[in-house]
Amino acid sequence: EGFFNTILSGDDVSRYKPDPEIFLAAADRLKMTPRQCVVFEDADSGLRAAAAAGMKSILINNDTILPAQKLNATLAVPHYCGLGPADVKRVINGSIILMN
């Protein structure tokens, strides 16, 4: 609280990932279209939910993600360090389509 304009959790929705309900609700609360949003995820169900919502996604890579599941991400990074606003903007604008 204080850092974000809106916060949602699984308690705020009736369907869970991979259903896109939580991401669509967040976009609605922010008065943004799904195309204007980027989802940061570390799980395949979240990547699939983001895709179903029509949102781009940045995968914070980890050992639980299988190589085929990484294909659901717009971009995969090893960690948040070094990921800046310009990188996120490139994901939104479609300039980054290959995974690291």
Protein backbone atom coordinates (compact mmCIF):
# COMPACT_ATOMS: atom_id res chain seq x y z
CA GLU A 1 0.00 0.00 0.00
CA GLY A 2 1.32 3.43 -0.84
CA PHE A 3 3.42 2.15 -3.74
CA PHE A 4 0.59 0.94 -5.98
CA ASN A 5 -2.60 2.56 -7.25
CA THR A 6 -4.54 -0.63 -6.77
CA ILE A 7 -3.96 -4.03 -5.20
CA LEU A 8 -5.85 -7.23 -5.93
CA SER A 9 -5.44 -10.73 -4.56
CA GLY A 10 -7.07 -14.09 -5.06
CA ASP A 11 -9.66 -13.01 -2.50
CA ASP A 12 -10.91 -10.36 -4.93
CA VAL A 13 -11.85 -12.74 -7.75
CA SER A 14 -13.98 -15.83 -8.16
CA ARG A 15 -11.77 -17.58 -10.74
CA TYR A 16 -8.07 -18.23 -10.35
CA LYS A 17 -5.14 -18.32 -12.76
CA PRO A 18 -4.89 -19.46 -15.49
CA ASP A 19 -8.24 -17.66 -15.79
CA PRO A 20 -7.46 -14.01 -16.65
CA GLU A 21 -10.06 -12.53 -14.27
CA ILE A 22 -7.58 -10.99 -11.81
CA PHE A 23 -5.54 -9.31 -14.55
CA LEU A 24 -8.63 -7.97 -16.32
CA ALA A 25 -9.99 -6.66 -13.00
CA ALA A 26 -6.68 -4.91 -12.31
CA ALA A 27 -6.69 -3.27 -15.75
CA ASP A 28 -10.28 -2.16 -15.22
CA ARG A 29 -9.49 -0.64 -11.81
CA LEU A 30 -6.55 1.20 -13.35
CA LYS A 31 -8.74 2.33 -16.26
CA MET A 32 -6.31 0.80 -18.72
CA THR A 33 -6.77 -1.57 -21.61
CA PRO A 34 -5.13 -5.00 -21.39
CA ARG A 35 -2.79 -3.97 -24.23
CA GLN A 36 -1.42 -1.19 -22.00
CA CYS A 37 -0.53 -3.63 -19.21
CA VAL A 38 2.46 -5.84 -18.48
CA VAL A 39 2.25 -8.77 -16.10
CA PHE A 40 5.28 -9.82 -14.05
CA GLU A 41 5.04 -13.55 -13.38
CA ASP A 42 6.99 -16.46 -12.02
CA ALA A 43 4.50 -19.25 -12.77
CA ASP A 44 3.10 -20.84 -15.89
CA SER A 45 -0.52 -20.39 -14.79
CA GLY A 46 0.09 -16.65 -14.52
CA LEU A 47 1.75 -16.51 -17.93
CA ARG A 48 -1.25 -18.27 -19.46
CA ALA A 49 -3.64 -15.93 -17.63
CA ALA A 50 -1.76 -12.89 -18.94
CA ALA A 51 -1.93 -14.21 -22.50
CA ALA A 52 -5.65 -14.95 -22.13
CA ALA A 53 -6.17 -11.39 -20.88
CA GLY A 54 -4.37 -10.00 -23.94
CA MET A 55 -1.48 -8.69 -21.85
CA LYS A 56 2.25 -8.93 -22.39
CA SER A 57 4.25 -10.69 -19.70
CA ILE A 58 7.71 -10.67 -18.21
CA LEU A 59 8.75 -13.98 -16.71
CA ILE A 60 11.01 -13.87 -13.70
CA ASN A 61 12.70 -17.15 -14.58
CA ASN A 62 13.02 -19.94 -12.02
CA ASP A 63 13.60 -23.68 -11.81
CA THR A 64 9.88 -24.53 -11.79
CA ILE A 65 9.31 -23.19 -15.31
CA LEU A 66 9.77 -25.73 -18.08
CA PRO A 67 11.33 -24.64 -21.39
CA ALA A 68 8.02 -25.03 -23.25
CA GLN A 69 6.24 -22.91 -20.64
CA LYS A 70 8.69 -20.06 -21.18
CA LEU A 71 7.20 -19.64 -24.65
CA ASN A 72 4.11 -18.14 -22.97
CA ALA A 73 6.18 -15.12 -21.84
CA THR A 74 6.89 -12.03 -23.90
CA LEU A 75 10.25 -11.69 -22.20
CA ALA A 76 12.11 -13.86 -19.69
CA VAL A 77 14.65 -12.39 -17.30
CA PRO A 78 16.71 -14.12 -14.61
CA HIS A 79 15.66 -11.61 -11.91
CA TYR A 80 14.32 -8.09 -11.45
CA CYS A 81 17.79 -6.58 -11.09
CA GLY A 82 18.74 -4.64 -14.19
CA LEU A 83 15.18 -4.54 -15.52
CA GLY A 84 14.26 -0.89 -15.93
CA PRO A 85 11.30 1.19 -17.08
CA ALA A 86 12.71 1.38 -20.61
CA ASP A 87 12.70 -2.44 -20.81
CA VAL A 88 9.07 -2.58 -19.69
CA LYS A 89 8.14 0.11 -22.21
CA ARG A 90 9.78 -1.91 -25.00
CA VAL A 91 7.71 -4.95 -23.96
CA ILE A 92 4.50 -2.89 -24.07
CA ASN A 93 5.40 -1.41 -27.46
CA GLY A 94 6.30 -4.80 -28.89
CA SER A 95 9.98 -4.02 -29.45
CA ILE A 96 11.00 -7.04 -27.37
CA ILE A 97 9.56 -10.27 -28.63
CA LEU A 98 12.43 -12.66 -28.01
CA MET A 99 13.20 -14.23 -24.68
CA ASN A 100 16.57 -13.88 -22.96
